Amino acid sequence: MKFRQLKPPEAQHTIKVPLELEGMDSTNKFYWTIDMDETDDKLQLALGLFYDLGQGGISDPQEAVYWYKRSANQGNREAQTALALCYQEGTGVEVNFEKAVYWYELAALQDFSIAQCNLGYCYEVGQGVAKDIEQAIYWTKKAAFQGLAKAQNNLANYYKIGLGLEQSFTKAIYWFRKAANQDDPIAQGQLGYLYEQGLGVTKNEKKAFCWYEKSASLGNTLSLCCLGQCYHFGIGTEINFEKALECYRVAATCGDDIAQYCLGMCYDYGDIIEEDIALAFFWYKKSAEQGYDFAQFDIGRFYQHGICVEKDIQTAISWYKKAAAQGNQLAVKALEELE
């Protein structure tokens, strides 16, 4: 029994402003108000961070926005980016994507890589600005060439899927490696996938395993799931069912939808653990509710045939339709047979 092909890890776009100012001890930020001019933009930024992060037990998002605005209006690019993120996420202020773009752009024009990366994301998805892939690539590249790992990861993903650029797995590998060498777990997981599939690089399952392992050690649950598959099927390492189950369980418990599906399959087929249809249904349902199409198909299958649940064709059709809407051909075929 082989699992269906895992989806590669997705690129992560929006990232937060660094929490510390260079040369500033975070424990002293609040008390510096005594010694520094209140019109100082760096102090205002520090106060914004103090209230934003709840340092000293004082958390006040609205007060944080107040100080970010004062600093941002003086041209502080870090404060402009922090303020943009507040508008983007609705922290201390109502969500306003247009204002987020406005402040990101001001900081990006000052060559602040984090703002450039986030602005690129806004252009990519059309958030607060008209969707414009060329602009997304432009700003992402500027941040990537400055060495920002998240931007390098995003640029690599553009090359991998051919979004606004000619598809090039070789260039994707180049940029993923740049980010991975900075311990970006998403880029490391992507490298693992590309080595496993032999895309843009000579297929090397041992290297794939190593990159999945590095990524998983940094908390990437999808890479942990991929690591589980490596142990399950002997991809780049010896088969070890115990370790495979451990990887699946940990990732599934952390909420990874594909790991939940894999764990469900283990209980469903009983190949590396004792069969338990009730637990199979439980984990399939967890995954399906997060939108994973193969899990949605299997939940439909359980309802169609009355496996572990009362037979319910209408509920089965409902789940099949969810999976089919994502292009799942098994679900499409199941719907055709029921109709």
Protein backbone atom coordinates (compact mmCIF):
# COMPACT_ATOMS: atom_id res chain seq x y z
CA MET A 1 0.00 0.00 0.00
CA LYS A 2 1.39 3.36 -1.07
CA PHE A 3 0.13 6.73 0.05
CA ARG A 4 -0.91 9.26 -2.54
CA GLN A 5 1.63 11.91 -3.42
CA LEU A 6 2.07 14.54 -0.74
CA LYS A 7 1.68 18.16 -1.70
CA PRO A 8 4.97 20.09 -1.41
CA PRO A 9 5.28 22.57 1.44
CA GLU A 10 3.77 25.93 0.61
CA ALA A 11 5.69 29.17 0.58
CA GLN A 12 5.27 31.41 3.58
CA HIS A 13 4.82 35.03 2.67
CA THR A 14 4.06 37.53 5.42
CA ILE A 15 6.64 37.84 8.19
CA LYS A 16 6.80 39.99 11.30
CA VAL A 17 9.14 42.83 12.10
CA PRO A 18 12.18 41.88 14.23
CA LEU A 19 11.29 42.18 17.88
CA GLU A 20 14.48 43.85 19.07
CA LEU A 21 16.17 47.04 18.02
CA GLU A 22 19.87 46.73 17.32
CA GLY A 23 21.90 47.46 20.42
CA MET A 24 18.86 47.76 22.68
CA ASP A 25 18.25 45.60 25.73
CA SER A 26 14.54 44.74 25.65
CA THR A 27 14.30 44.79 29.45
CA ASN A 28 15.25 48.48 29.47
CA LYS A 29 13.07 49.80 26.66
CA PHE A 30 10.27 51.22 28.78
CA TYR A 31 12.53 52.96 31.26
CA TRP A 32 14.46 54.79 28.56
CA THR A 33 11.60 57.28 28.38
CA ILE A 34 13.29 59.04 31.26
CA ASP A 35 16.53 59.61 29.42
CA MET A 36 15.43 60.09 25.82
CA ASP A 37 13.56 62.78 23.92
CA GLU A 38 9.94 61.72 23.34
CA THR A 39 10.19 62.94 19.74
CA ASP A 40 12.92 60.40 19.02
CA ASP A 41 11.58 58.00 16.38
CA LYS A 42 13.58 55.04 17.73
CA LEU A 43 12.20 55.55 21.21
CA GLN A 44 8.69 55.77 19.80
CA LEU A 45 9.26 52.50 17.95
CA ALA A 46 10.60 50.93 21.14
CA LEU A 47 7.50 52.03 23.05
CA GLY A 48 5.32 50.61 20.30
CA LEU A 49 7.11 47.28 20.58
CA PHE A 50 6.84 47.41 24.37
CA TYR A 51 3.04 47.69 24.25
CA ASP A 52 2.70 45.40 21.23
CA LEU A 53 4.65 42.53 22.80
CA GLY A 54 3.28 42.98 26.30
CA GLN A 55 6.70 43.35 27.87
CA GLY A 56 6.58 43.86 31.61
CA GLY A 57 3.06 42.45 31.64
CA ILE A 58 1.62 45.52 29.89
CA SER A 59 -0.12 44.69 26.61
CA ASP A 60 -1.99 47.46 24.83
CA PRO A 61 -2.30 47.06 21.02
CA GLN A 62 -3.96 50.46 20.58
CA GLU A 63 -1.19 52.20 22.49
CA ALA A 64 1.31 50.29 20.35
CA VAL A 65 -0.34 51.62 17.20
CA TYR A 66 -0.22 55.16 18.62
CA TRP A 67 3.55 55.00 19.09
CA TYR A 68 4.14 53.19 15.80
CA LYS A 69 2.28 56.01 14.02
CA ARG A 70 4.34 58.71 15.70
CA SER A 71 7.56 56.99 14.71
CA ALA A 72 6.32 56.09 11.22
CA ASN A 73 5.29 59.67 10.53
CA GLN A 74 8.89 60.67 11.18
CA GLY A 75 10.01 58.24 8.49
CA ASN A 76 11.19 55.33 10.64
CA ARG A 77 11.02 52.38 8.25
CA GLU A 78 10.79 49.72 10.97
CA ALA A 79 7.84 51.55 12.53
CA GLN A 80 6.21 51.96 9.13
CA THR A 81 6.46 48.20 8.63
CA ALA A 82 5.15 47.45 12.11
CA LEU A 83 2.22 49.81 11.54
CA ALA A 84 1.50 48.21 8.17
CA LEU A 85 1.39 44.80 9.83
CA CYS A 86 -1.07 46.12 12.42
CA TYR A 87 -3.37 47.29 9.64
CA GLN A 88 -2.90 44.01 7.78
CA GLU A 89 -3.75 41.84 10.79
CA GLY A 90 -6.15 44.15 12.62
CA THR A 91 -3.96 44.47 15.71
CA GLY A 92 -4.95 47.52 17.74
CA VAL A 93 -6.76 48.96 14.75
CA GLU A 94 -9.40 47.87 12.24
CA VAL A 95 -8.12 45.84 9.31
CA ASN A 96 -7.31 48.14 6.42
CA PHE A 97 -5.31 46.53 3.64
CA GLU A 98 -5.01 49.78 1.68
CA LYS A 99 -3.31 51.49 4.62
CA ALA A 100 -1.12 48.44 5.12
CA VAL A 101 0.09 48.73 1.53
CA TYR A 102 0.64 52.48 1.96
CA TRP A 103 2.96 52.00 4.93
CA TYR A 104 4.71 48.95 3.47
CA GLU A 105 5.46 50.97 0.35
CA LEU A 106 6.98 53.85 2.31
CA ALA A 107 9.27 51.45 4.15
CA ALA A 108 10.03 49.44 1.01
CA LEU A 109 11.14 52.59 -0.78
CA GLN A 110 13.64 53.03 2.05
CA ASP A 111 15.03 49.62 1.09
CA PHE A 112 13.70 47.78 4.15
CA SER A 113 13.68 44.13 3.10
CA ILE A 114 10.83 42.97 5.36
CA ALA A 115 8.53 45.66 3.99
CA GLN A 116 9.57 44.76 0.45
CA CYS A 117 8.78 41.10 1.06
CA ASN A 118 5.37 41.84 2.57
CA LEU A 119 4.56 44.35 -0.16
CA GLY A 120 5.40 41.69 -2.72
CA TYR A 121 2.90 39.38 -1.05
CA CYS A 122 0.19 42.08 -1.17
CA TYR A 123 0.74 42.47 -4.91
CA GLU A 124 0.76 38.70 -5.39
CA VAL A 125 -2.66 38.13 -3.84
CA GLY A 126 -4.20 41.53 -4.56
CA GLN A 127 -4.53 42.53 -0.92
CA GLY A 128 -5.10 46.28 -0.58
CA VAL A 129 -3.85 46.84 -4.11
CA ALA A 130 -4.63 45.55 -7.60
CA LYS A 131 -3.12 42.11 -8.16
CA ASP A 132 0.13 42.54 -10.07
CA ILE A 133 2.51 39.60 -10.35
CA GLU A 134 5.24 41.72 -11.95
CA GLN A 135 5.24 44.05 -8.96
CA ALA A 136 5.14 41.06 -6.62
CA ILE A 137 8.26 39.66 -8.26
CA TYR A 138 9.95 43.08 -8.32
CA TRP A 139 9.62 43.65 -4.58
CA THR A 140 10.28 40.04 -3.67
CA LYS A 141 13.50 40.07 -5.67
CA LYS A 142 14.69 43.27 -3.99
CA ALA A 143 14.20 41.66 -0.58
CA ALA A 144 15.70 38.35 -1.68
CA PHE A 145 18.87 39.99 -3.00
CA GLN A 146 19.25 41.68 0.38
CA GLY A 147 19.40 38.22 1.92
CA LEU A 148 15.96 37.98 3.53
CA ALA A 149 15.24 34.27 3.85
CA LYS A 150 11.45 34.54 3.54
CA ALA A 151 11.76 36.55 0.34
CA GLN A 152 14.25 34.06 -1.05
CA ASN A 153 11.79 31.30 -0.23
CA ASN A 154 8.97 33.18 -1.97
CA LEU A 155 11.08 33.89 -5.06
CA ALA A 156 12.08 30.24 -5.23
CA ASN A 157 8.42 29.28 -5.10
CA TYR A 158 7.66 31.63 -8.02
CA TYR A 159 10.31 29.81 -10.07
CA LYS A 160 9.05 26.41 -8.93
CA ILE A 161 5.45 26.97 -10.01
CA GLY A 162 6.19 29.39 -12.86
CA LEU A 163 4.26 32.29 -11.37
CA GLY A 164 5.13 35.40 -13.40
CA LEU A 165 8.45 33.84 -14.33
CA GLU A 166 9.51 31.05 -16.63
CA GLN A 167 9.37 27.87 -14.58
CA SER A 168 12.85 26.83 -13.53
CA PHE A 169 13.45 24.17 -10.92
CA THR A 170 17.17 24.94 -11.14
CA LYS A 171 16.60 28.56 -10.07
CA ALA A 172 14.09 27.39 -7.50
CA ILE A 173 16.74 25.13 -6.00
CA TYR A 174 19.22 28.05 -5.96
CA TRP A 175 16.92 30.32 -3.97
CA PHE A 176 15.51 27.63 -1.71
CA ARG A 177 19.08 26.72 -0.81
CA LYS A 178 19.88 30.37 0.01
CA ALA A 179 16.95 30.45 2.44
CA ALA A 180 17.54 26.95 3.76
CA ASN A 181 21.12 27.81 4.67
CA GLN A 182 19.66 30.52 6.91
CA ASP A 183 17.64 27.83 8.70
CA ASP A 184 14.35 28.68 7.03
CA PRO A 185 12.32 25.49 7.71
CA ILE A 186 9.92 25.97 4.80
CA ALA A 187 12.76 26.29 2.29
CA GLN A 188 14.43 23.24 3.81
CA GLY A 189 11.22 21.26 3.36
CA GLN A 190 10.96 22.42 -0.24
CA LEU A 191 14.54 21.30 -0.91
CA GLY A 192 13.68 17.92 0.54
CA TYR A 193 10.72 17.61 -1.81
CA LEU A 194 12.73 18.66 -4.89
CA TYR A 195 15.53 16.21 -4.07
CA GLU A 196 12.99 13.45 -3.49
CA GLN A 197 11.33 14.11 -6.85
CA GLY A 198 14.52 14.94 -8.76
CA LEU A 199 13.28 18.36 -9.87
CA GLY A 200 16.02 20.82 -10.81
CA VAL A 201 18.59 18.52 -9.28
CA THR A 202 19.67 14.90 -9.51
CA LYS A 203 17.27 12.77 -7.51
CA ASN A 204 18.82 12.00 -4.15
CA GLU A 205 16.61 10.44 -1.50
CA LYS A 206 19.29 10.63 1.19
CA LYS A 207 19.59 14.39 0.73
CA ALA A 208 15.81 14.63 0.69
CA PHE A 209 15.69 12.82 4.03
CA CYS A 210 18.37 15.11 5.51
CA TRP A 211 16.52 18.27 4.47
CA TYR A 212 13.21 16.96 5.79
CA GLU A 213 14.93 16.11 9.05
CA LYS A 214 16.46 19.60 9.38
CA SER A 215 13.16 21.25 8.56
CA ALA A 216 11.21 19.07 10.98
CA SER A 217 13.69 19.81 13.77
CA LEU A 218 12.80 23.50 13.34
CA GLY A 219 9.10 22.82 13.75
CA ASN A 220 7.85 22.36 10.19
CA THR A 221 5.03 19.85 10.68
CA LEU A 222 4.61 19.08 6.97
CA SER A 223 8.29 18.15 6.77
CA LEU A 224 7.77 15.99 9.85
CA CYS A 225 4.99 14.23 7.96
CA CYS A 226 7.33 13.79 4.96
CA LEU A 227 9.93 12.39 7.35
CA GLY A 228 7.30 9.92 8.51
CA GLN A 229 6.83 8.78 4.91
CA CYS A 230 10.59 8.36 4.56
CA TYR A 231 10.62 6.03 7.55
CA HIS A 232 7.43 4.33 6.39
CA PHE A 233 8.66 3.46 2.89
CA GLY A 234 12.44 3.57 3.30
CA ILE A 235 13.03 6.80 1.37
CA GLY A 236 16.63 7.84 2.00
CA THR A 237 16.74 5.82 5.21
CA GLU A 238 15.92 2.38 6.57
CA ILE A 239 12.27 1.47 7.09
CA ASN A 240 11.23 2.12 10.67
CA PHE A 241 7.50 1.84 11.32
CA GLU A 242 7.81 3.00 14.92
CA LYS A 243 9.50 6.25 13.89
CA ALA A 244 7.06 6.70 11.01
CA LEU A 245 4.11 6.52 13.39
CA GLU A 246 5.78 8.88 15.83
CA CYS A 247 6.30 11.45 13.07
CA TYR A 248 2.72 11.12 11.86
CA ARG A 249 1.28 11.36 15.37
CA VAL A 250 3.28 14.41 16.41
CA ALA A 251 2.56 16.28 13.18
CA ALA A 252 -1.11 15.27 13.23
CA THR A 253 -1.52 16.38 16.83
CA CYS A 254 0.03 19.73 15.87
CA GLY A 255 -2.72 20.10 13.28
CA ASP A 256 -1.01 19.18 10.02
CA ASP A 257 -3.79 18.06 7.69
CA ILE A 258 -1.67 15.72 5.57
CA ALA A 259 -0.19 14.02 8.64
CA GLN A 260 -3.71 13.53 9.97
CA TYR A 261 -4.62 11.90 6.68
CA CYS A 262 -1.53 9.66 6.74
CA LEU A 263 -2.26 8.58 10.30
CA GLY A 264 -5.85 7.86 9.29
CA MET A 265 -4.59 5.65 6.47
CA CYS A 266 -2.36 3.73 8.87
CA TYR A 267 -5.37 2.89 11.04
CA ASP A 268 -7.55 2.27 7.98
CA TYR A 269 -5.23 -0.23 6.28
CA GLY A 270 -3.57 -1.66 9.38
CA ASP A 271 -0.23 -2.15 7.66
CA ILE A 272 2.10 -0.73 10.32
CA ILE A 273 -0.30 -0.58 13.26
CA GLU A 274 -3.33 -2.56 14.33
CA GLU A 275 -6.37 -1.66 12.25
CA ASP A 276 -8.79 0.68 14.00
CA ILE A 277 -11.54 2.00 11.74
CA ALA A 278 -12.90 4.37 14.38
CA LEU A 279 -9.51 6.07 14.70
CA ALA A 280 -9.15 6.07 10.91
CA PHE A 281 -12.44 7.96 10.65
CA PHE A 282 -11.39 10.32 13.44
CA TRP A 283 -8.17 11.38 11.71
CA TYR A 284 -9.69 11.47 8.23
CA LYS A 285 -12.38 13.78 9.58
CA LYS A 286 -9.79 16.07 11.21
CA SER A 287 -7.95 16.33 7.90
CA ALA A 288 -11.11 16.70 5.81
CA GLU A 289 -12.38 19.55 7.95
CA GLN A 290 -9.16 21.41 7.15
CA GLY A 291 -9.86 20.97 3.45
CA TYR A 292 -7.52 18.13 2.43
CA ASP A 293 -9.18 16.64 -0.65
CA PHE A 294 -8.09 13.01 -0.26
CA ALA A 295 -9.40 12.97 3.29
CA GLN A 296 -12.68 14.48 2.09
CA PHE A 297 -12.95 11.68 -0.45
CA ASP A 298 -12.38 9.03 2.21
CA ILE A 299 -14.95 10.55 4.56
CA GLY A 300 -17.37 10.43 1.64
CA ARG A 301 -16.43 6.78 1.10
CA PHE A 302 -17.12 5.97 4.75
CA TYR A 303 -20.58 7.56 4.58
CA GLN A 304 -21.39 5.99 1.22
CA HIS A 305 -20.66 2.48 2.44
CA GLY A 306 -21.60 2.90 6.09
CA ILE A 307 -18.10 2.27 7.39
CA CYS A 308 -17.96 3.14 11.10
CA VAL A 309 -20.90 5.50 10.59
CA GLU A 310 -24.51 5.14 9.55
CA LYS A 311 -24.84 4.97 5.78
CA ASP A 312 -25.78 8.40 4.43
CA ILE A 313 -25.58 8.95 0.68
CA GLN A 314 -26.36 12.67 0.85
CA THR A 315 -23.56 13.29 3.33
CA ALA A 316 -21.25 11.18 1.16
CA ILE A 317 -22.15 13.29 -1.88
CA SER A 318 -21.51 16.46 0.10
CA TRP A 319 -17.97 15.34 0.96
CA TYR A 320 -17.32 14.07 -2.57
CA LYS A 321 -18.32 17.46 -3.95
CA LYS A 322 -15.88 19.23 -1.62
CA ALA A 323 -13.06 16.99 -2.84
CA ALA A 324 -14.13 17.17 -6.49
CA ALA A 325 -14.15 20.97 -6.33
CA GLN A 326 -10.41 20.72 -5.67
CA GLY A 327 -9.91 18.49 -8.70
CA ASN A 328 -9.84 15.15 -6.87
CA GLN A 329 -10.54 12.62 -9.62
CA LEU A 330 -11.47 9.82 -7.23
CA ALA A 331 -14.26 12.02 -5.91
CA VAL A 332 -15.32 13.00 -9.44
CA LYS A 333 -15.63 9.33 -10.37
CA ALA A 334 -17.54 8.53 -7.17
CA LEU A 335 -20.05 11.30 -7.92
CA GLU A 336 -20.52 10.04 -11.47
CA GLU A 337 -21.27 6.54 -10.17
CA LEU A 338 -23.79 7.84 -7.64
CA GLU A 339 -25.56 9.94 -10.24
